[in-house]
Amino acid sequence: MKIDIIDPPGDVNTPLFEACVGDVFSGESKTVEYANIIFVGRDDLRLMKKEYFGMDVFTDVITFNLNDPVDQIEGEVYLSYSQIKENAKLFNTKLEDELIRVLIHGCLHLCGYEDDTQTLKDQMTALENKYMKKLKDSDQ
């Protein structure tokens, strides 16, 4: 398994990020060839959202599966640190918790989960909560 975290801000706990990514993929019974976790600017992610998804909106995460089948992960997760930081304030949560939640969300997309209906969003949120709890329990 090759996981690269590219351009993380100084306060990002990269070992925790790597553990989190590994937990999600193993928990979803996926093999990882490689996964790149890439931090980009808020405006850059907005442009990517517009170019690849036809939506001119700010977002906190975008993922790209680079292979089929989804059982073997080759992909990229793009994160906007500044957008995630804004979300943490908006949702009144710790920045690290919001970073981890968004990372889990991106990894779940690489595993094949979608969130384009309320039912699918609820399913992803339940999985995010499961992996957040697992990570917190292993921290103690």
N, C-alpha and C. Protein backbone atom coordinates (compact mmCIF):
# COMPACT_ATOMS: atom_id res chain seq x y z
N MET A 1 0.86 -1.18 0.00
CA MET A 1 0.00 0.00 0.00
C MET A 1 0.90 1.23 0.00
N LYS A 2 0.66 2.12 -0.94
CA LYS A 2 1.43 3.35 -1.01
C LYS A 2 0.48 4.52 -0.84
N ILE A 3 0.68 5.27 0.25
CA ILE A 3 -0.14 6.45 0.52
C ILE A 3 0.81 7.64 0.63
N ASP A 4 0.59 8.62 -0.23
CA ASP A 4 1.39 9.84 -0.18
C ASP A 4 0.49 11.00 0.20
N ILE A 5 0.97 11.80 1.14
CA ILE A 5 0.25 13.01 1.53
C ILE A 5 1.08 14.18 1.01
N ILE A 6 0.48 14.92 0.09
CA ILE A 6 1.23 15.93 -0.66
C ILE A 6 0.81 17.34 -0.22
N ASP A 7 1.80 18.14 0.13
CA ASP A 7 1.63 19.54 0.55
C ASP A 7 0.70 19.74 1.75
N PRO A 8 0.86 18.92 2.81
CA PRO A 8 -0.01 19.13 3.98
C PRO A 8 0.40 20.40 4.73
N PRO A 9 -0.57 21.13 5.26
CA PRO A 9 -0.24 22.25 6.14
C PRO A 9 0.53 21.73 7.35
N GLY A 10 1.28 22.61 8.00
CA GLY A 10 2.15 22.21 9.11
C GLY A 10 1.45 21.56 10.28
N ASP A 11 0.17 21.86 10.49
CA ASP A 11 -0.51 21.30 11.66
C ASP A 11 -1.29 20.02 11.34
N VAL A 12 -1.08 19.46 10.15
CA VAL A 12 -1.74 18.20 9.80
C VAL A 12 -0.90 17.05 10.33
N ASN A 13 -1.54 16.17 11.08
CA ASN A 13 -0.89 15.00 11.66
C ASN A 13 -0.82 13.91 10.59
N THR A 14 0.28 13.89 9.83
CA THR A 14 0.36 12.96 8.70
C THR A 14 0.32 11.49 9.12
N PRO A 15 0.95 11.08 10.22
CA PRO A 15 0.80 9.66 10.62
C PRO A 15 -0.66 9.30 10.91
N LEU A 16 -1.40 10.21 11.51
CA LEU A 16 -2.81 9.98 11.78
C LEU A 16 -3.59 9.88 10.47
N PHE A 17 -3.27 10.74 9.51
CA PHE A 17 -3.92 10.70 8.20
C PHE A 17 -3.66 9.35 7.53
N GLU A 18 -2.41 8.90 7.55
CA GLU A 18 -2.06 7.62 6.93
C GLU A 18 -2.81 6.48 7.60
N ALA A 19 -2.87 6.49 8.92
CA ALA A 19 -3.60 5.45 9.66
C ALA A 19 -5.08 5.46 9.30
N CYS A 20 -5.63 6.64 9.20
CA CYS A 20 -7.04 6.81 8.86
C CYS A 20 -7.34 6.23 7.48
N VAL A 21 -6.53 6.56 6.51
CA VAL A 21 -6.71 6.06 5.15
C VAL A 21 -6.63 4.53 5.15
N GLY A 22 -5.64 3.99 5.84
CA GLY A 22 -5.49 2.54 5.93
C GLY A 22 -6.69 1.88 6.58
N ASP A 23 -7.21 2.48 7.65
CA ASP A 23 -8.39 1.94 8.35
C ASP A 23 -9.60 1.87 7.43
N VAL A 24 -9.84 2.94 6.68
CA VAL A 24 -11.00 2.97 5.80
C VAL A 24 -10.89 1.91 4.72
N PHE A 25 -9.75 1.85 4.05
CA PHE A 25 -9.60 0.90 2.95
C PHE A 25 -9.64 -0.55 3.44
N SER A 26 -9.00 -0.83 4.57
CA SER A 26 -9.06 -2.20 5.08
C SER A 26 -10.45 -2.52 5.60
N GLY A 27 -11.11 -1.56 6.24
CA GLY A 27 -12.47 -1.76 6.73
C GLY A 27 -13.47 -2.00 5.62
N GLU A 28 -13.19 -1.46 4.44
CA GLU A 28 -14.06 -1.65 3.29
C GLU A 28 -13.56 -2.78 2.37
N SER A 29 -12.57 -3.54 2.88
CA SER A 29 -12.00 -4.70 2.15
C SER A 29 -11.46 -4.32 0.78
N LYS A 30 -10.74 -3.21 0.75
CA LYS A 30 -10.14 -2.74 -0.50
C LYS A 30 -8.63 -2.90 -0.43
N THR A 31 -8.03 -3.23 -1.56
CA THR A 31 -6.59 -3.27 -1.70
C THR A 31 -6.16 -1.93 -2.28
N VAL A 32 -5.10 -1.38 -1.75
CA VAL A 32 -4.63 -0.08 -2.22
C VAL A 32 -3.32 -0.24 -2.97
N GLU A 33 -3.38 0.06 -4.24
CA GLU A 33 -2.15 0.14 -5.03
C GLU A 33 -1.45 1.44 -4.65
N TYR A 34 -2.19 2.54 -4.75
CA TYR A 34 -1.71 3.82 -4.24
C TYR A 34 -2.88 4.77 -4.05
N ALA A 35 -2.68 5.68 -3.11
CA ALA A 35 -3.65 6.75 -2.87
C ALA A 35 -2.85 8.01 -2.57
N ASN A 36 -3.09 9.04 -3.33
CA ASN A 36 -2.47 10.33 -3.09
C ASN A 36 -3.49 11.24 -2.40
N ILE A 37 -3.08 11.81 -1.28
CA ILE A 37 -3.89 12.78 -0.56
C ILE A 37 -3.22 14.12 -0.81
N ILE A 38 -3.90 15.01 -1.54
CA ILE A 38 -3.26 16.22 -2.03
C ILE A 38 -4.00 17.45 -1.51
N PHE A 39 -3.25 18.32 -0.83
CA PHE A 39 -3.82 19.57 -0.35
C PHE A 39 -3.65 20.64 -1.42
N VAL A 40 -4.74 21.31 -1.75
CA VAL A 40 -4.72 22.39 -2.73
C VAL A 40 -5.48 23.58 -2.18
N GLY A 41 -5.33 24.71 -2.81
CA GLY A 41 -6.03 25.91 -2.39
C GLY A 41 -7.52 25.85 -2.66
N ARG A 42 -8.24 26.64 -1.94
CA ARG A 42 -9.71 26.69 -2.05
C ARG A 42 -10.15 27.04 -3.48
N ASP A 43 -9.50 28.03 -4.07
CA ASP A 43 -9.86 28.44 -5.44
C ASP A 43 -9.49 27.35 -6.45
N ASP A 44 -8.37 26.67 -6.22
CA ASP A 44 -7.97 25.59 -7.12
C ASP A 44 -9.00 24.46 -7.11
N LEU A 45 -9.48 24.13 -5.92
CA LEU A 45 -10.46 23.05 -5.81
C LEU A 45 -11.79 23.46 -6.46
N ARG A 46 -12.13 24.72 -6.32
CA ARG A 46 -13.35 25.23 -6.97
C ARG A 46 -13.23 25.10 -8.48
N LEU A 47 -12.08 25.45 -9.04
CA LEU A 47 -11.88 25.32 -10.48
C LEU A 47 -11.95 23.86 -10.92
N MET A 48 -11.40 22.96 -10.12
CA MET A 48 -11.47 21.53 -10.44
C MET A 48 -12.92 21.05 -10.41
N LYS A 49 -13.67 21.51 -9.42
CA LYS A 49 -15.08 21.13 -9.31
C LYS A 49 -15.85 21.59 -10.56
N LYS A 50 -15.53 22.79 -11.01
CA LYS A 50 -16.19 23.33 -12.20
C LYS A 50 -15.78 22.55 -13.46
N GLU A 51 -14.48 22.32 -13.60
CA GLU A 51 -13.98 21.65 -14.80
C GLU A 51 -14.44 20.20 -14.90
N TYR A 52 -14.35 19.46 -13.81
CA TYR A 52 -14.62 18.01 -13.87
C TYR A 52 -16.05 17.62 -13.51
N PHE A 53 -16.75 18.48 -12.79
CA PHE A 53 -18.09 18.13 -12.35
C PHE A 53 -19.16 19.13 -12.81
N GLY A 54 -18.73 20.19 -13.50
CA GLY A 54 -19.66 21.16 -14.04
C GLY A 54 -20.38 21.99 -12.98
N MET A 55 -19.77 22.11 -11.79
CA MET A 55 -20.39 22.86 -10.70
C MET A 55 -19.43 23.95 -10.23
N ASP A 56 -19.87 25.18 -10.29
CA ASP A 56 -19.03 26.32 -9.89
C ASP A 56 -19.31 26.65 -8.43
N VAL A 57 -18.78 25.81 -7.54
CA VAL A 57 -19.00 25.97 -6.10
C VAL A 57 -17.71 25.65 -5.35
N PHE A 58 -17.59 26.20 -4.16
CA PHE A 58 -16.49 25.82 -3.28
C PHE A 58 -16.82 24.47 -2.68
N THR A 59 -15.81 23.67 -2.48
CA THR A 59 -15.98 22.35 -1.87
C THR A 59 -14.77 22.05 -1.00
N ASP A 60 -14.89 21.04 -0.17
CA ASP A 60 -13.77 20.69 0.70
C ASP A 60 -12.99 19.48 0.21
N VAL A 61 -13.62 18.65 -0.64
CA VAL A 61 -12.94 17.44 -1.11
C VAL A 61 -13.46 17.04 -2.49
N ILE A 62 -12.54 16.54 -3.30
CA ILE A 62 -12.85 15.94 -4.60
C ILE A 62 -12.00 14.68 -4.70
N THR A 63 -12.57 13.62 -5.24
CA THR A 63 -11.80 12.39 -5.42
C THR A 63 -11.84 11.95 -6.87
N PHE A 64 -10.79 11.24 -7.25
CA PHE A 64 -10.71 10.66 -8.58
C PHE A 64 -10.25 9.22 -8.45
N ASN A 65 -11.12 8.29 -8.86
CA ASN A 65 -10.72 6.90 -9.01
C ASN A 65 -10.00 6.80 -10.34
N LEU A 66 -8.83 6.20 -10.32
CA LEU A 66 -8.06 6.14 -11.55
C LEU A 66 -8.02 4.74 -12.14
N ASN A 67 -8.86 3.85 -11.60
CA ASN A 67 -8.90 2.49 -12.13
C ASN A 67 -10.26 1.85 -11.90
N ASP A 68 -10.46 0.74 -12.56
CA ASP A 68 -11.58 -0.17 -12.34
C ASP A 68 -10.96 -1.55 -12.23
N PRO A 69 -11.44 -2.44 -11.47
CA PRO A 69 -12.57 -2.33 -10.54
C PRO A 69 -12.17 -1.55 -9.30
N VAL A 70 -13.17 -1.20 -8.51
CA VAL A 70 -12.94 -0.38 -7.32
C VAL A 70 -12.32 -1.20 -6.19
N ASP A 71 -12.24 -2.54 -6.33
CA ASP A 71 -11.65 -3.37 -5.27
C ASP A 71 -10.18 -3.03 -5.04
N GLN A 72 -9.51 -2.60 -6.08
CA GLN A 72 -8.11 -2.22 -5.95
C GLN A 72 -8.02 -0.72 -6.17
N ILE A 73 -7.69 0.02 -5.13
CA ILE A 73 -7.71 1.49 -5.16
C ILE A 73 -6.45 2.04 -5.82
N GLU A 74 -6.65 2.85 -6.81
CA GLU A 74 -5.64 3.74 -7.37
C GLU A 74 -6.37 5.07 -7.52
N GLY A 75 -6.04 6.03 -6.66
CA GLY A 75 -6.81 7.25 -6.74
C GLY A 75 -6.18 8.42 -6.03
N GLU A 76 -6.89 9.54 -6.13
CA GLU A 76 -6.42 10.79 -5.54
C GLU A 76 -7.57 11.45 -4.80
N VAL A 77 -7.23 12.00 -3.64
CA VAL A 77 -8.17 12.77 -2.83
C VAL A 77 -7.59 14.17 -2.73
N TYR A 78 -8.32 15.15 -3.23
CA TYR A 78 -7.90 16.55 -3.16
C TYR A 78 -8.67 17.22 -2.04
N LEU A 79 -7.94 17.87 -1.14
CA LEU A 79 -8.55 18.53 0.02
C LEU A 79 -8.22 20.02 0.02
N SER A 80 -9.20 20.83 0.38
CA SER A 80 -8.99 22.26 0.57
C SER A 80 -8.91 22.53 2.06
N TYR A 81 -7.70 22.77 2.55
CA TYR A 81 -7.50 23.02 3.98
C TYR A 81 -8.29 24.24 4.44
N SER A 82 -8.27 25.31 3.64
CA SER A 82 -8.97 26.53 4.07
C SER A 82 -10.48 26.32 4.12
N GLN A 83 -11.03 25.54 3.19
CA GLN A 83 -12.46 25.25 3.22
C GLN A 83 -12.81 24.37 4.42
N ILE A 84 -11.97 23.40 4.70
CA ILE A 84 -12.20 22.52 5.85
C ILE A 84 -12.11 23.32 7.15
N LYS A 85 -11.18 24.26 7.18
CA LYS A 85 -11.05 25.13 8.36
C LYS A 85 -12.32 25.96 8.56
N GLU A 86 -12.87 26.49 7.47
CA GLU A 86 -14.14 27.23 7.54
C GLU A 86 -15.27 26.33 8.02
N ASN A 87 -15.30 25.09 7.51
CA ASN A 87 -16.32 24.14 7.92
C ASN A 87 -16.24 23.85 9.41
N ALA A 88 -15.03 23.71 9.93
CA ALA A 88 -14.85 23.42 11.35
C ALA A 88 -15.47 24.54 12.19
N LYS A 89 -15.28 25.77 11.78
CA LYS A 89 -15.90 26.90 12.48
C LYS A 89 -17.41 26.85 12.36
N LEU A 90 -17.88 26.62 11.13
CA LEU A 90 -19.31 26.58 10.86
C LEU A 90 -20.02 25.49 11.67
N PHE A 91 -19.40 24.31 11.75
CA PHE A 91 -20.01 23.18 12.44
C PHE A 91 -19.58 23.08 13.90
N ASN A 92 -18.78 24.08 14.34
CA ASN A 92 -18.32 24.14 15.73
C ASN A 92 -17.64 22.83 16.17
N THR A 93 -16.67 22.41 15.37
CA THR A 93 -15.94 21.19 15.65
C THR A 93 -14.44 21.48 15.61
N LYS A 94 -13.65 20.59 16.17
CA LYS A 94 -12.20 20.75 16.14
C LYS A 94 -11.71 20.61 14.70
N LEU A 95 -10.72 21.41 14.36
CA LEU A 95 -10.17 21.37 13.00
C LEU A 95 -9.67 19.96 12.65
N GLU A 96 -8.94 19.32 13.56
CA GLU A 96 -8.42 17.99 13.26
C GLU A 96 -9.56 17.00 13.00
N ASP A 97 -10.64 17.09 13.77
CA ASP A 97 -11.78 16.20 13.56
C ASP A 97 -12.41 16.43 12.19
N GLU A 98 -12.53 17.68 11.80
CA GLU A 98 -13.12 17.99 10.49
C GLU A 98 -12.21 17.52 9.36
N LEU A 99 -10.89 17.69 9.54
CA LEU A 99 -9.94 17.19 8.54
C LEU A 99 -10.08 15.69 8.37
N ILE A 100 -10.16 14.98 9.47
CA ILE A 100 -10.28 13.52 9.42
C ILE A 100 -11.61 13.11 8.79
N ARG A 101 -12.69 13.77 9.18
CA ARG A 101 -14.01 13.43 8.61
C ARG A 101 -14.00 13.62 7.09
N VAL A 102 -13.45 14.72 6.62
CA VAL A 102 -13.44 14.98 5.17
C VAL A 102 -12.52 13.98 4.46
N LEU A 103 -11.40 13.63 5.09
CA LEU A 103 -10.51 12.62 4.53
C LEU A 103 -11.23 11.28 4.41
N ILE A 104 -11.93 10.88 5.47
CA ILE A 104 -12.70 9.63 5.43
C ILE A 104 -13.73 9.69 4.31
N HIS A 105 -14.41 10.82 4.19
CA HIS A 105 -15.41 11.00 3.15
C HIS A 105 -14.79 10.77 1.77
N GLY A 106 -13.63 11.38 1.54
CA GLY A 106 -12.95 11.20 0.26
C GLY A 106 -12.55 9.75 0.02
N CYS A 107 -12.06 9.09 1.05
CA CYS A 107 -11.67 7.68 0.91
C CYS A 107 -12.88 6.80 0.61
N LEU A 108 -14.01 7.11 1.24
CA LEU A 108 -15.23 6.35 0.96
C LEU A 108 -15.66 6.52 -0.50
N HIS A 109 -15.47 7.73 -1.05
CA HIS A 109 -15.76 7.92 -2.48
C HIS A 109 -14.85 7.02 -3.32
N LEU A 110 -13.57 6.92 -2.94
CA LEU A 110 -12.66 6.04 -3.68
C LEU A 110 -13.10 4.58 -3.58
N CYS A 111 -13.77 4.24 -2.49
CA CYS A 111 -14.28 2.87 -2.30
C CYS A 111 -15.55 2.62 -3.09
N GLY A 112 -16.09 3.66 -3.73
CA GLY A 112 -17.26 3.48 -4.57
C GLY A 112 -18.55 4.04 -4.02
N TYR A 113 -18.51 4.63 -2.83
CA TYR A 113 -19.72 5.21 -2.25
C TYR A 113 -20.03 6.55 -2.93
N GLU A 114 -21.32 6.82 -3.04
CA GLU A 114 -21.79 8.07 -3.62
C GLU A 114 -22.64 8.80 -2.58
N ASP A 115 -22.89 10.08 -2.83
CA ASP A 115 -23.69 10.88 -1.89
C ASP A 115 -24.62 11.84 -2.61
N ASP A 116 -25.15 11.38 -3.75
CA ASP A 116 -25.99 12.28 -4.53
C ASP A 116 -27.48 12.19 -4.21
N THR A 117 -27.85 11.39 -3.20
CA THR A 117 -29.21 11.40 -2.67
C THR A 117 -29.11 11.47 -1.15
N GLN A 118 -30.18 11.82 -0.49
CA GLN A 118 -30.16 11.91 0.97
C GLN A 118 -29.88 10.55 1.61
N THR A 119 -30.44 9.49 1.04
CA THR A 119 -30.20 8.14 1.57
C THR A 119 -28.72 7.79 1.48
N LEU A 120 -28.10 8.08 0.35
CA LEU A 120 -26.67 7.79 0.18
C LEU A 120 -25.81 8.67 1.08
N LYS A 121 -26.20 9.94 1.25
CA LYS A 121 -25.49 10.83 2.17
C LYS A 121 -25.55 10.29 3.58
N ASP A 122 -26.73 9.82 3.98
CA ASP A 122 -26.90 9.27 5.33
C ASP A 122 -26.02 8.03 5.52
N GLN A 123 -25.92 7.21 4.49
CA GLN A 123 -25.07 6.02 4.55
C GLN A 123 -23.60 6.42 4.72
N MET A 124 -23.18 7.40 3.96
CA MET A 124 -21.78 7.85 4.07
C MET A 124 -21.52 8.48 5.44
N THR A 125 -22.46 9.26 5.94
CA THR A 125 -22.28 9.87 7.26
C THR A 125 -22.16 8.80 8.33
N ALA A 126 -22.95 7.75 8.24
CA ALA A 126 -22.86 6.66 9.21
C ALA A 126 -21.49 5.99 9.14
N LEU A 127 -20.97 5.80 7.93
CA LEU A 127 -19.64 5.22 7.79
C LEU A 127 -18.56 6.17 8.30
N GLU A 128 -18.71 7.45 8.02
CA GLU A 128 -17.76 8.44 8.56
C GLU A 128 -17.73 8.35 10.09
N ASN A 129 -18.90 8.30 10.69
CA ASN A 129 -18.99 8.21 12.16
C ASN A 129 -18.33 6.93 12.67
N LYS A 130 -18.55 5.84 11.96
CA LYS A 130 -17.95 4.55 12.35
C LYS A 130 -16.42 4.66 12.37
N TYR A 131 -15.85 5.20 11.30
CA TYR A 131 -14.38 5.29 11.21
C TYR A 131 -13.82 6.35 12.15
N MET A 132 -14.57 7.44 12.38
CA MET A 132 -14.14 8.44 13.37
C MET A 132 -14.07 7.80 14.76
N LYS A 133 -15.10 7.02 15.10
CA LYS A 133 -15.15 6.37 16.41
C LYS A 133 -14.00 5.37 16.54
N LYS A 134 -13.78 4.59 15.50
CA LYS A 134 -12.70 3.60 15.51
C LYS A 134 -11.34 4.28 15.73
N LEU A 135 -11.14 5.39 15.06
CA LEU A 135 -9.89 6.13 15.19
C LEU A 135 -9.74 6.69 16.61
N LYS A 136 -10.80 7.25 17.16
CA LYS A 136 -10.75 7.80 18.52
C LYS A 136 -10.53 6.70 19.55
N ASP A 137 -11.21 5.54 19.35
CA ASP A 137 -11.05 4.42 20.28
C ASP A 137 -9.62 3.87 20.27
N SER A 138 -9.00 3.84 19.09
CA SER A 138 -7.63 3.34 19.01
C SER A 138 -6.62 4.33 19.55
N ASP A 139 -7.03 5.59 19.66
CA ASP A 139 -6.17 6.66 20.19
C ASP A 139 -6.03 6.58 21.70
N GLN A 140 -6.97 5.93 22.36
CA GLN A 140 -7.00 5.91 23.83
C GLN A 140 -6.22 4.77 24.40
